[in-house]
PDB file of all heavy atoms in Angstrom:
ATOM      1  N   TYR A   1     -19.936  10.754 -16.870  1.00  0.00           N
ATOM      2  CA  TYR A   1     -19.045   9.682 -16.506  1.00  0.00           C
ATOM      3  C   TYR A   1     -18.452   9.777 -15.167  1.00  0.00           C
ATOM      4  O   TYR A   1     -18.452   8.813 -14.351  1.00  0.00           O
ATOM      5  CB  TYR A   1     -17.921   9.497 -17.542  1.00  0.00           C
ATOM      6  CG  TYR A   1     -18.353   8.836 -18.831  1.00  0.00           C
ATOM      7  CD1 TYR A   1     -18.364   9.482 -20.075  1.00  0.00           C
ATOM      8  CD2 TYR A   1     -18.710   7.474 -18.824  1.00  0.00           C
ATOM      9  CE1 TYR A   1     -18.738   8.868 -21.258  1.00  0.00           C
ATOM     10  CE2 TYR A   1     -19.072   6.835 -20.010  1.00  0.00           C
ATOM     11  CZ  TYR A   1     -19.105   7.518 -21.205  1.00  0.00           C
ATOM     12  OH  TYR A   1     -19.484   6.861 -22.382  1.00  0.00           O
ATOM     13  N   PRO A   2     -17.951  10.968 -14.772  1.00  0.00           N
ATOM     14  CA  PRO A   2     -17.357  11.060 -13.383  1.00  0.00           C
ATOM     15  C   PRO A   2     -18.395  10.700 -12.298  1.00  0.00           C
ATOM     16  O   PRO A   2     -18.038  10.061 -11.298  1.00  0.00           O
ATOM     17  CB  PRO A   2     -16.905  12.533 -13.287  1.00  0.00           C
ATOM     18  CG  PRO A   2     -16.590  12.879 -14.691  1.00  0.00           C
ATOM     19  CD  PRO A   2     -17.615  12.180 -15.557  1.00  0.00           C
ATOM     20  N   VAL A   3     -19.599  11.170 -12.473  1.00  0.00           N
ATOM     21  CA  VAL A   3     -20.653  10.895 -11.496  1.00  0.00           C
ATOM     22  C   VAL A   3     -20.910   9.408 -11.422  1.00  0.00           C
ATOM     23  O   VAL A   3     -20.999   8.758 -10.347  1.00  0.00           O
ATOM     24  CB  VAL A   3     -21.931  11.659 -11.791  1.00  0.00           C
ATOM     25  CG1 VAL A   3     -23.085  11.149 -10.901  1.00  0.00           C
ATOM     26  CG2 VAL A   3     -21.748  13.136 -11.586  1.00  0.00           C
ATOM     27  N   PHE A   4     -21.028   8.736 -12.632  1.00  0.00           N
ATOM     28  CA  PHE A   4     -21.303   7.332 -12.640  1.00  0.00           C
ATOM     29  C   PHE A   4     -20.176   6.529 -11.946  1.00  0.00           C
ATOM     30  O   PHE A   4     -20.487   5.641 -11.121  1.00  0.00           O
ATOM     31  CB  PHE A   4     -21.387   6.842 -14.113  1.00  0.00           C
ATOM     32  CG  PHE A   4     -21.421   5.324 -14.217  1.00  0.00           C
ATOM     33  CD1 PHE A   4     -22.554   4.605 -13.912  1.00  0.00           C
ATOM     34  CD2 PHE A   4     -20.293   4.690 -14.685  1.00  0.00           C
ATOM     35  CE1 PHE A   4     -22.549   3.198 -13.994  1.00  0.00           C
ATOM     36  CE2 PHE A   4     -20.280   3.287 -14.816  1.00  0.00           C
ATOM     37  CZ  PHE A   4     -21.408   2.571 -14.504  1.00  0.00           C
ATOM     38  N   PHE A   5     -18.947   6.788 -12.266  1.00  0.00           N
ATOM     39  CA  PHE A   5     -17.870   5.973 -11.691  1.00  0.00           C
ATOM     40  C   PHE A   5     -17.653   6.285 -10.164  1.00  0.00           C
ATOM     41  O   PHE A   5     -17.258   5.427  -9.432  1.00  0.00           O
ATOM     42  CB  PHE A   5     -16.566   6.221 -12.460  1.00  0.00           C
ATOM     43  CG  PHE A   5     -16.563   5.516 -13.798  1.00  0.00           C
ATOM     44  CD1 PHE A   5     -16.645   6.265 -14.970  1.00  0.00           C
ATOM     45  CD2 PHE A   5     -16.517   4.145 -13.888  1.00  0.00           C
ATOM     46  CE1 PHE A   5     -16.634   5.617 -16.218  1.00  0.00           C
ATOM     47  CE2 PHE A   5     -16.510   3.491 -15.125  1.00  0.00           C
ATOM     48  CZ  PHE A   5     -16.631   4.257 -16.259  1.00  0.00           C
ATOM     49  N   THR A   6     -18.032   7.519  -9.785  1.00  0.00           N
ATOM     50  CA  THR A   6     -17.982   7.796  -8.350  1.00  0.00           C
ATOM     51  C   THR A   6     -19.091   6.967  -7.604  1.00  0.00           C
ATOM     52  O   THR A   6     -18.852   6.439  -6.517  1.00  0.00           O
ATOM     53  CB  THR A   6     -18.167   9.270  -8.091  1.00  0.00           C
ATOM     54  OG1 THR A   6     -17.157  10.028  -8.764  1.00  0.00           O
ATOM     55  CG2 THR A   6     -18.136   9.591  -6.595  1.00  0.00           C
ATOM     56  N   LEU A   7     -20.233   6.951  -8.217  1.00  0.00           N
ATOM     57  CA  LEU A   7     -21.338   6.123  -7.631  1.00  0.00           C
ATOM     58  C   LEU A   7     -20.958   4.646  -7.628  1.00  0.00           C
ATOM     59  O   LEU A   7     -21.254   3.925  -6.639  1.00  0.00           O
ATOM     60  CB  LEU A   7     -22.619   6.312  -8.414  1.00  0.00           C
ATOM     61  CG  LEU A   7     -23.316   7.692  -8.280  1.00  0.00           C
ATOM     62  CD1 LEU A   7     -24.508   7.781  -9.237  1.00  0.00           C
ATOM     63  CD2 LEU A   7     -23.779   7.957  -6.835  1.00  0.00           C
ATOM     64  N   ALA A   8     -20.287   4.142  -8.660  1.00  0.00           N
ATOM     65  CA  ALA A   8     -19.840   2.808  -8.711  1.00  0.00           C
ATOM     66  C   ALA A   8     -18.830   2.495  -7.600  1.00  0.00           C
ATOM     67  O   ALA A   8     -18.867   1.429  -7.010  1.00  0.00           O
ATOM     68  CB  ALA A   8     -19.234   2.466 -10.079  1.00  0.00           C
ATOM     69  N   ALA A   9     -17.975   3.465  -7.356  1.00  0.00           N
ATOM     70  CA  ALA A   9     -17.026   3.314  -6.228  1.00  0.00           C
ATOM     71  C   ALA A   9     -17.764   3.242  -4.896  1.00  0.00           C
ATOM     72  O   ALA A   9     -17.436   2.416  -4.007  1.00  0.00           O
ATOM     73  CB  ALA A   9     -16.023   4.450  -6.206  1.00  0.00           C
ATOM     74  N   ALA A  10     -18.789   4.068  -4.740  1.00  0.00           N
ATOM     75  CA  ALA A  10     -19.592   4.060  -3.516  1.00  0.00           C
ATOM     76  C   ALA A  10     -20.271   2.731  -3.248  1.00  0.00           C
ATOM     77  O   ALA A  10     -20.465   2.364  -2.111  1.00  0.00           O
ATOM     78  CB  ALA A  10     -20.563   5.197  -3.532  1.00  0.00           C
ATOM     79  N   LEU A  11     -20.584   2.022  -4.341  1.00  0.00           N
ATOM     80  CA  LEU A  11     -21.216   0.722  -4.150  1.00  0.00           C
ATOM     81  C   LEU A  11     -20.289  -0.292  -3.464  1.00  0.00           C
ATOM     82  O   LEU A  11     -20.782  -1.260  -2.918  1.00  0.00           O
ATOM     83  CB  LEU A  11     -21.576   0.155  -5.569  1.00  0.00           C
ATOM     84  CG  LEU A  11     -22.763   0.828  -6.283  1.00  0.00           C
ATOM     85  CD1 LEU A  11     -22.916   0.215  -7.667  1.00  0.00           C
ATOM     86  CD2 LEU A  11     -24.079   0.607  -5.544  1.00  0.00           C
ATOM     87  N   GLY A  12     -19.045  -0.026  -3.455  1.00  0.00           N
ATOM     88  CA  GLY A  12     -18.073  -0.900  -2.814  1.00  0.00           C
ATOM     89  C   GLY A  12     -17.931  -0.695  -1.341  1.00  0.00           C
ATOM     90  O   GLY A  12     -17.349  -1.557  -0.590  1.00  0.00           O
ATOM     91  N   VAL A  13     -18.474   0.401  -0.808  1.00  0.00           N
ATOM     92  CA  VAL A  13     -18.336   0.695   0.629  1.00  0.00           C
ATOM     93  C   VAL A  13     -18.988  -0.345   1.480  1.00  0.00           C
ATOM     94  O   VAL A  13     -18.438  -0.801   2.491  1.00  0.00           O
ATOM     95  CB  VAL A  13     -18.842   2.112   0.957  1.00  0.00           C
ATOM     96  CG1 VAL A  13     -18.910   2.376   2.435  1.00  0.00           C
ATOM     97  CG2 VAL A  13     -18.009   3.191   0.190  1.00  0.00           C
ATOM     98  N   PRO A  14     -20.259  -0.793   1.169  1.00  0.00           N
ATOM     99  CA  PRO A  14     -20.842  -1.848   2.043  1.00  0.00           C
ATOM    100  C   PRO A  14     -19.970  -3.072   2.159  1.00  0.00           C
ATOM    101  O   PRO A  14     -19.915  -3.661   3.224  1.00  0.00           O
ATOM    102  CB  PRO A  14     -22.184  -2.141   1.351  1.00  0.00           C
ATOM    103  CG  PRO A  14     -22.517  -0.884   0.633  1.00  0.00           C
ATOM    104  CD  PRO A  14     -21.193  -0.347   0.147  1.00  0.00           C
ATOM    105  N   ALA A  15     -19.343  -3.464   1.046  1.00  0.00           N
ATOM    106  CA  ALA A  15     -18.485  -4.660   1.085  1.00  0.00           C
ATOM    107  C   ALA A  15     -17.320  -4.470   2.051  1.00  0.00           C
ATOM    108  O   ALA A  15     -16.941  -5.334   2.836  1.00  0.00           O
ATOM    109  CB  ALA A  15     -17.949  -4.989  -0.279  1.00  0.00           C
ATOM    110  N   ILE A  16     -16.751  -3.257   2.067  1.00  0.00           N
ATOM    111  CA  ILE A  16     -15.607  -2.986   2.986  1.00  0.00           C
ATOM    112  C   ILE A  16     -16.092  -3.119   4.439  1.00  0.00           C
ATOM    113  O   ILE A  16     -15.429  -3.729   5.276  1.00  0.00           O
ATOM    114  CB  ILE A  16     -15.083  -1.545   2.769  1.00  0.00           C
ATOM    115  CG1 ILE A  16     -14.449  -1.464   1.322  1.00  0.00           C
ATOM    116  CG2 ILE A  16     -14.015  -1.183   3.825  1.00  0.00           C
ATOM    117  CD1 ILE A  16     -14.092  -0.086   0.871  1.00  0.00           C
ATOM    118  N   ILE A  17     -17.283  -2.546   4.734  1.00  0.00           N
ATOM    119  CA  ILE A  17     -17.802  -2.631   6.095  1.00  0.00           C
ATOM    120  C   ILE A  17     -18.113  -4.072   6.463  1.00  0.00           C
ATOM    121  O   ILE A  17     -17.787  -4.543   7.577  1.00  0.00           O
ATOM    122  CB  ILE A  17     -19.107  -1.809   6.182  1.00  0.00           C
ATOM    123  CG1 ILE A  17     -18.778  -0.296   5.986  1.00  0.00           C
ATOM    124  CG2 ILE A  17     -19.797  -1.981   7.559  1.00  0.00           C
ATOM    125  CD1 ILE A  17     -19.976   0.563   5.823  1.00  0.00           C
ATOM    126  N   LEU A  18     -18.659  -4.831   5.526  1.00  0.00           N
ATOM    127  CA  LEU A  18     -18.993  -6.254   5.793  1.00  0.00           C
ATOM    128  C   LEU A  18     -17.751  -7.114   6.007  1.00  0.00           C
ATOM    129  O   LEU A  18     -17.754  -8.038   6.857  1.00  0.00           O
ATOM    130  CB  LEU A  18     -19.857  -6.789   4.672  1.00  0.00           C
ATOM    131  CG  LEU A  18     -21.278  -6.314   4.631  1.00  0.00           C
ATOM    132  CD1 LEU A  18     -21.933  -6.619   3.269  1.00  0.00           C
ATOM    133  CD2 LEU A  18     -22.106  -6.807   5.765  1.00  0.00           C
ATOM    134  N   VAL A  19     -16.666  -6.820   5.281  1.00  0.00           N
ATOM    135  CA  VAL A  19     -15.432  -7.542   5.531  1.00  0.00           C
ATOM    136  C   VAL A  19     -14.932  -7.264   6.949  1.00  0.00           C
ATOM    137  O   VAL A  19     -14.473  -8.223   7.653  1.00  0.00           O
ATOM    138  CB  VAL A  19     -14.334  -7.123   4.500  1.00  0.00           C
ATOM    139  CG1 VAL A  19     -12.972  -7.693   4.906  1.00  0.00           C
ATOM    140  CG2 VAL A  19     -14.726  -7.614   3.136  1.00  0.00           C
ATOM    141  N   LEU A  20     -15.029  -6.068   7.401  1.00  0.00           N
ATOM    142  CA  LEU A  20     -14.613  -5.676   8.765  1.00  0.00           C
ATOM    143  C   LEU A  20     -15.466  -6.459   9.799  1.00  0.00           C
ATOM    144  O   LEU A  20     -14.957  -6.951  10.805  1.00  0.00           O
ATOM    145  CB  LEU A  20     -14.702  -4.215   8.971  1.00  0.00           C
ATOM    146  CG  LEU A  20     -13.714  -3.340   8.187  1.00  0.00           C
ATOM    147  CD1 LEU A  20     -14.027  -1.846   8.327  1.00  0.00           C
ATOM    148  CD2 LEU A  20     -12.302  -3.600   8.657  1.00  0.00           C
ATOM    149  N   VAL A  21     -16.759  -6.577   9.507  1.00  0.00           N
ATOM    150  CA  VAL A  21     -17.640  -7.298  10.444  1.00  0.00           C
ATOM    151  C   VAL A  21     -17.265  -8.803  10.476  1.00  0.00           C
ATOM    152  O   VAL A  21     -17.139  -9.431  11.573  1.00  0.00           O
ATOM    153  CB  VAL A  21     -19.119  -7.112   9.990  1.00  0.00           C
ATOM    154  CG1 VAL A  21     -20.018  -8.008  10.862  1.00  0.00           C
ATOM    155  CG2 VAL A  21     -19.543  -5.688  10.172  1.00  0.00           C
ATOM    156  N   VAL A  22     -17.050  -9.379   9.313  1.00  0.00           N
ATOM    157  CA  VAL A  22     -16.696 -10.812   9.250  1.00  0.00           C
ATOM    158  C   VAL A  22     -15.340 -11.005   9.900  1.00  0.00           C
ATOM    159  O   VAL A  22     -15.146 -12.055  10.633  1.00  0.00           O
ATOM    160  CB  VAL A  22     -16.727 -11.291   7.757  1.00  0.00           C
ATOM    161  CG1 VAL A  22     -16.124 -12.684   7.683  1.00  0.00           C
ATOM    162  CG2 VAL A  22     -18.117 -11.231   7.196  1.00  0.00           C
ATOM    163  N   ALA A  23     -14.365 -10.127   9.655  1.00  0.00           N
ATOM    164  CA  ALA A  23     -13.071 -10.254  10.235  1.00  0.00           C
ATOM    165  C   ALA A  23     -13.117 -10.181  11.749  1.00  0.00           C
ATOM    166  O   ALA A  23     -12.419 -10.900  12.495  1.00  0.00           O
ATOM    167  CB  ALA A  23     -12.108  -9.198   9.659  1.00  0.00           C
ATOM    168  N   ALA A  24     -13.977  -9.270  12.314  1.00  0.00           N
ATOM    169  CA  ALA A  24     -14.093  -9.178  13.742  1.00  0.00           C
ATOM    170  C   ALA A  24     -14.642 -10.455  14.318  1.00  0.00           C
ATOM    171  O   ALA A  24     -14.185 -10.896  15.408  1.00  0.00           O
ATOM    172  CB  ALA A  24     -15.031  -7.981  14.084  1.00  0.00           C
ATOM    173  N   ARG A  25     -15.606 -11.080  13.636  1.00  0.00           N
ATOM    174  CA  ARG A  25     -16.157 -12.322  14.125  1.00  0.00           C
ATOM    175  C   ARG A  25     -15.089 -13.425  14.099  1.00  0.00           C
ATOM    176  O   ARG A  25     -14.986 -14.243  15.016  1.00  0.00           O
ATOM    177  CB  ARG A  25     -17.335 -12.754  13.244  1.00  0.00           C
ATOM    178  CG  ARG A  25     -17.984 -14.098  13.666  1.00  0.00           C
ATOM    179  CD  ARG A  25     -19.127 -14.436  12.777  1.00  0.00           C
ATOM    180  NE  ARG A  25     -19.808 -15.658  13.205  1.00  0.00           N
ATOM    181  CZ  ARG A  25     -19.579 -16.864  12.695  1.00  0.00           C
ATOM    182  NH1 ARG A  25     -18.647 -17.050  11.775  1.00  0.00           N
ATOM    183  NH2 ARG A  25     -20.217 -17.949  13.133  1.00  0.00           N
ATOM    184  N   GLU A  26     -14.260 -13.442  13.047  1.00  0.00           N
ATOM    185  CA  GLU A  26     -13.213 -14.446  12.951  1.00  0.00           C
ATOM    186  C   GLU A  26     -12.212 -14.309  14.124  1.00  0.00           C
ATOM    187  O   GLU A  26     -11.732 -15.249  14.709  1.00  0.00           O
ATOM    188  CB  GLU A  26     -12.465 -14.308  11.612  1.00  0.00           C
ATOM    189  CG  GLU A  26     -13.236 -14.735  10.422  1.00  0.00           C
ATOM    190  CD  GLU A  26     -13.550 -16.240  10.474  1.00  0.00           C
ATOM    191  OE1 GLU A  26     -12.641 -16.987  10.675  1.00  0.00           O
ATOM    192  OE2 GLU A  26     -14.764 -16.609  10.280  1.00  0.00           O
ATOM    193  N   ARG A  27     -11.881 -13.040  14.484  1.00  0.00           N
ATOM    194  CA  ARG A  27     -10.945 -12.783  15.591  1.00  0.00           C
ATOM    195  C   ARG A  27     -11.516 -13.268  16.919  1.00  0.00           C
ATOM    196  O   ARG A  27     -10.832 -13.816  17.740  1.00  0.00           O
ATOM    197  CB  ARG A  27     -10.572 -11.347  15.634  1.00  0.00           C
ATOM    198  CG  ARG A  27      -9.579 -10.872  14.581  1.00  0.00           C
ATOM    199  CD  ARG A  27      -9.031  -9.510  14.872  1.00  0.00           C
ATOM    200  NE  ARG A  27     -10.018  -8.508  15.000  1.00  0.00           N
ATOM    201  CZ  ARG A  27     -10.471  -7.775  13.961  1.00  0.00           C
ATOM    202  NH1 ARG A  27      -9.989  -7.959  12.759  1.00  0.00           N
ATOM    203  NH2 ARG A  27     -11.394  -6.855  14.072  1.00  0.00           N
ATOM    204  N   ARG A  28     -12.837 -13.037  17.078  1.00  0.00           N
ATOM    205  CA  ARG A  28     -13.458 -13.446  18.340  1.00  0.00           C
ATOM    206  C   ARG A  28     -13.567 -14.931  18.477  1.00  0.00           C
ATOM    207  O   ARG A  28     -13.388 -15.492  19.551  1.00  0.00           O
ATOM    208  CB  ARG A  28     -14.921 -12.882  18.453  1.00  0.00           C
ATOM    209  CG  ARG A  28     -14.966 -11.400  18.691  1.00  0.00           C
ATOM    210  CD  ARG A  28     -16.392 -11.008  19.133  1.00  0.00           C
ATOM    211  NE  ARG A  28     -17.372 -11.384  18.126  1.00  0.00           N
ATOM    212  CZ  ARG A  28     -17.780 -10.591  17.103  1.00  0.00           C
ATOM    213  NH1 ARG A  28     -17.213  -9.380  16.945  1.00  0.00           N
ATOM    214  NH2 ARG A  28     -18.678 -11.026  16.283  1.00  0.00           N
ATOM    215  N   ARG A  29     -13.690 -15.654  17.322  1.00  0.00           N
ATOM    216  CA  ARG A  29     -13.876 -17.096  17.367  1.00  0.00           C
ATOM    217  C   ARG A  29     -12.545 -17.816  17.402  1.00  0.00           C
ATOM    218  O   ARG A  29     -12.487 -18.974  17.827  1.00  0.00           O
ATOM    219  CB  ARG A  29     -14.668 -17.584  16.145  1.00  0.00           C
ATOM    220  CG  ARG A  29     -16.064 -17.090  16.105  1.00  0.00           C
ATOM    221  CD  ARG A  29     -16.782 -17.459  14.816  1.00  0.00           C
ATOM    222  NE  ARG A  29     -17.020 -18.945  14.758  1.00  0.00           N
ATOM    223  CZ  ARG A  29     -16.373 -19.758  13.961  1.00  0.00           C
ATOM    224  NH1 ARG A  29     -15.424 -19.339  13.144  1.00  0.00           N
ATOM    225  NH2 ARG A  29     -16.675 -21.041  13.933  1.00  0.00           N
ATOM    226  N   ALA A  30     -11.452 -17.173  16.950  1.00  0.00           N
ATOM    227  CA  ALA A  30     -10.206 -17.840  16.790  1.00  0.00           C
ATOM    228  C   ALA A  30      -9.691 -18.538  18.012  1.00  0.00           C
ATOM    229  O   ALA A  30      -9.223 -19.699  17.960  1.00  0.00           O
ATOM    230  CB  ALA A  30      -9.151 -16.873  16.255  1.00  0.00           C
ATOM    231  N   PRO A  31      -9.686 -17.902  19.216  1.00  0.00           N
ATOM    232  CA  PRO A  31      -9.121 -18.598  20.383  1.00  0.00           C
ATOM    233  C   PRO A  31      -9.889 -19.842  20.779  1.00  0.00           C
ATOM    234  O   PRO A  31      -9.290 -20.775  21.355  1.00  0.00           O
ATOM    235  CB  PRO A  31      -9.246 -17.472  21.482  1.00  0.00           C
ATOM    236  CG  PRO A  31      -9.342 -16.235  20.770  1.00  0.00           C
ATOM    237  CD  PRO A  31     -10.116 -16.537  19.514  1.00  0.00           C
TER     238      PRO A  31
END
């Protein structure tokens, strides 16, 4: 179980990175 839930947590890392990418685009476009 610990290995499974750790892997499940790791699945969320790409989403965090993608949010940062989308947020950076929003900041560039805002002005």
